[in-house]
Amino acid sequence: MGFDEEWVSSKAAAARQPASTRLNGAYDGPFPPSPGGDKDLNSSPERKKAAANDIETDFEPNSRRAGVWADEASITAVKAFDGWATAAGLTKAQEAWWKSVMALLGRLAGEKSALRETNRLFFTNDIFVGNDFAPLVKPSQLNRISPPQRP
């Protein structure tokens, strides 16, 4: 098979493929669609703030309380099994539990901080982009009206 026959065969195979998988097609919008199907960036400062507040007022304190409650129960069990090998095992499990609780609390604090920082970054970025476009914006008709003259 020569080049010309192979080229015709390749073009015919490409024509049978759906348009979304063809390299010679393009998306009509300003940006290609995202994998989730949403072509716009949706950022809700209120939802981020609410999520950060939920972490601070609900998840962190309740996780800490649950960790302490389980820790107190382990201490009671260790005392009950004093002198037995079970007490040593429970002590080790208690140490691992508390490390896990602290890791969870650290993760929650990090997520809370990230949500709040993201809000700040989006807001700051919006201000900078707005300032960058300010010289390109035509003055409004309201700006052209001269102030009233004094009599």
Protein backbone atom coordinates (compact mmCIF):
# COMPACT_ATOMS: atom_id res chain seq x y z
CA MET A 1 0.00 0.00 0.00
CA GLY A 2 1.41 3.36 -1.03
CA PHE A 3 1.28 6.63 0.86
CA ASP A 4 -1.77 7.92 -1.01
CA GLU A 5 -3.84 4.82 -0.27
CA GLU A 6 -2.77 4.85 3.36
CA TRP A 7 -3.65 8.56 3.65
CA VAL A 8 -7.15 8.00 2.20
CA SER A 9 -7.66 5.04 4.54
CA SER A 10 -6.52 7.10 7.54
CA LYS A 11 -8.85 10.00 6.64
CA ALA A 12 -11.78 7.59 6.25
CA ALA A 13 -11.06 6.03 9.66
CA ALA A 14 -10.84 9.50 11.25
CA ALA A 15 -14.18 10.51 9.71
CA ARG A 16 -15.86 7.53 11.40
CA GLN A 17 -14.68 8.61 14.86
CA PRO A 18 -16.93 10.79 17.03
CA ALA A 19 -16.09 14.50 16.74
CA SER A 20 -15.04 14.74 20.39
CA THR A 21 -12.07 12.45 19.79
CA ARG A 22 -10.89 14.05 16.57
CA LEU A 23 -7.84 16.25 16.60
CA ASN A 24 -9.17 18.41 13.80
CA GLY A 25 -12.17 19.63 15.84
CA ALA A 26 -12.34 22.49 18.31
CA TYR A 27 -14.58 23.65 21.10
CA ASP A 28 -16.65 26.70 20.14
CA GLY A 29 -16.49 28.42 23.53
CA PRO A 30 -13.74 30.61 24.95
CA PHE A 31 -12.33 27.74 27.04
CA PRO A 32 -12.42 23.99 26.55
CA PRO A 33 -14.98 22.25 28.76
CA SER A 34 -13.69 20.89 32.04
CA PRO A 35 -13.91 17.14 32.72
CA GLY A 36 -16.87 17.78 35.04
CA GLY A 37 -18.74 19.57 32.27
CA ASP A 38 -18.65 22.98 33.96
CA LYS A 39 -16.85 25.54 31.83
CA ASP A 40 -16.97 28.30 34.45
CA LEU A 41 -14.99 28.62 37.65
CA ASN A 42 -17.44 28.63 40.50
CA SER A 43 -16.08 29.97 43.73
CA SER A 44 -18.38 30.85 46.58
CA PRO A 45 -16.71 32.86 49.34
CA GLU A 46 -19.79 32.35 51.53
CA ARG A 47 -19.63 28.56 51.22
CA LYS A 48 -15.88 28.51 51.93
CA LYS A 49 -16.40 30.73 54.97
CA ALA A 50 -19.28 28.53 56.18
CA ALA A 51 -17.18 25.38 55.73
CA ALA A 52 -14.24 26.92 57.61
CA ASN A 53 -16.57 28.01 60.41
CA ASP A 54 -18.11 24.51 60.58
CA ILE A 55 -14.64 23.05 60.95
CA GLU A 56 -13.79 25.55 63.70
CA THR A 57 -17.04 25.37 65.66
CA ASP A 58 -18.12 21.77 65.09
CA PHE A 59 -15.56 19.34 63.68
CA GLU A 60 -12.48 20.41 65.64
CA PRO A 61 -14.08 20.60 69.11
CA ASN A 62 -16.12 17.42 68.61
CA SER A 63 -13.12 15.51 67.27
CA ARG A 64 -11.04 16.65 70.23
CA ARG A 65 -13.83 15.64 72.66
CA ALA A 66 -14.18 12.22 71.02
CA GLY A 67 -10.41 11.74 71.19
CA VAL A 68 -10.30 12.67 74.87
CA TRP A 69 -13.31 10.46 75.64
CA ALA A 70 -11.65 7.44 74.02
CA ASP A 71 -8.38 8.36 75.75
CA GLU A 72 -10.08 8.45 79.17
CA ALA A 73 -11.71 5.06 78.51
CA SER A 74 -8.29 3.64 77.59
CA ILE A 75 -6.72 5.02 80.77
CA THR A 76 -9.47 3.36 82.82
CA ALA A 77 -8.87 0.05 81.01
CA VAL A 78 -5.09 0.31 81.51
CA LYS A 79 -5.63 0.78 85.26
CA ALA A 80 -8.00 -2.20 85.35
CA PHE A 81 -5.41 -4.43 83.66
CA ASP A 82 -2.44 -3.12 85.66
CA GLY A 83 0.28 -5.74 85.86
CA TRP A 84 -0.96 -7.67 82.85
CA ALA A 85 0.49 -7.63 79.34
CA THR A 86 -2.87 -6.27 78.16
CA ALA A 87 -2.15 -3.00 79.99
CA ALA A 88 1.06 -2.51 78.00
CA GLY A 89 -0.80 -3.24 74.74
CA LEU A 90 -3.56 -0.81 75.63
CA THR A 91 -1.00 1.87 76.48
CA LYS A 92 0.61 1.42 73.08
CA ALA A 93 -2.78 1.53 71.36
CA GLN A 94 -3.64 4.65 73.36
CA GLU A 95 -0.46 6.38 72.14
CA ALA A 96 -1.26 5.45 68.53
CA TRP A 97 -4.84 6.66 68.99
CA TRP A 98 -3.72 10.03 70.31
CA LYS A 99 -1.28 10.45 67.41
CA SER A 100 -4.18 9.78 65.04
CA VAL A 101 -6.39 12.29 66.84
CA MET A 102 -3.66 14.92 66.66
CA ALA A 103 -3.10 14.19 62.96
CA LEU A 104 -6.84 14.59 62.33
CA LEU A 105 -6.93 17.87 64.26
CA GLY A 106 -3.91 19.10 62.30
CA ARG A 107 -5.59 18.16 59.02
CA LEU A 108 -8.80 19.95 60.02
CA ALA A 109 -6.83 23.07 60.98
CA GLY A 110 -5.01 22.93 57.65
CA GLU A 111 -8.26 22.60 55.69
CA LYS A 112 -9.81 25.48 57.63
CA SER A 113 -6.78 27.65 56.94
CA ALA A 114 -6.74 26.69 53.26
CA LEU A 115 -10.42 27.59 52.83
CA ARG A 116 -9.88 31.01 54.39
CA GLU A 117 -6.66 31.64 52.46
CA THR A 118 -8.35 30.66 49.19
CA ASN A 119 -11.03 33.28 49.80
CA ARG A 120 -8.35 35.88 50.41
CA LEU A 121 -6.38 34.87 47.31
CA PHE A 122 -9.44 34.94 45.02
CA PHE A 123 -10.44 38.37 46.34
CA THR A 124 -6.91 39.75 45.98
CA ASN A 125 -6.60 38.28 42.49
CA ASP A 126 -9.91 39.87 41.47
CA ILE A 127 -8.65 43.26 42.66
CA PHE A 128 -5.36 42.91 40.75
CA VAL A 129 -7.09 41.79 37.55
CA GLY A 130 -9.57 44.65 37.85
CA ASN A 131 -6.70 47.10 38.31
CA ASP A 132 -4.92 45.65 35.27
CA PHE A 133 -8.01 46.25 33.11
CA ALA A 134 -8.78 49.71 34.53
CA PRO A 135 -6.85 51.59 31.81
CA LEU A 136 -8.83 49.76 29.11
CA VAL A 137 -12.26 50.57 30.51
CA LYS A 138 -14.04 53.45 28.80
CA PRO A 139 -15.18 56.14 31.21
CA SER A 140 -18.82 55.98 32.08
CA GLN A 141 -21.24 58.68 30.92
CA LEU A 142 -21.70 59.52 34.58
CA ASN A 143 -18.02 60.40 34.86
CA ARG A 144 -18.36 62.85 31.97
CA ILE A 145 -21.05 64.93 33.64
CA SER A 146 -19.49 67.99 35.10
CA PRO A 147 -20.41 69.00 38.62
CA PRO A 148 -23.08 71.63 38.99
CA GLN A 149 -21.83 75.20 38.76
CA ARG A 150 -22.20 77.51 41.69
CA PRO A 151 -24.36 80.54 41.03
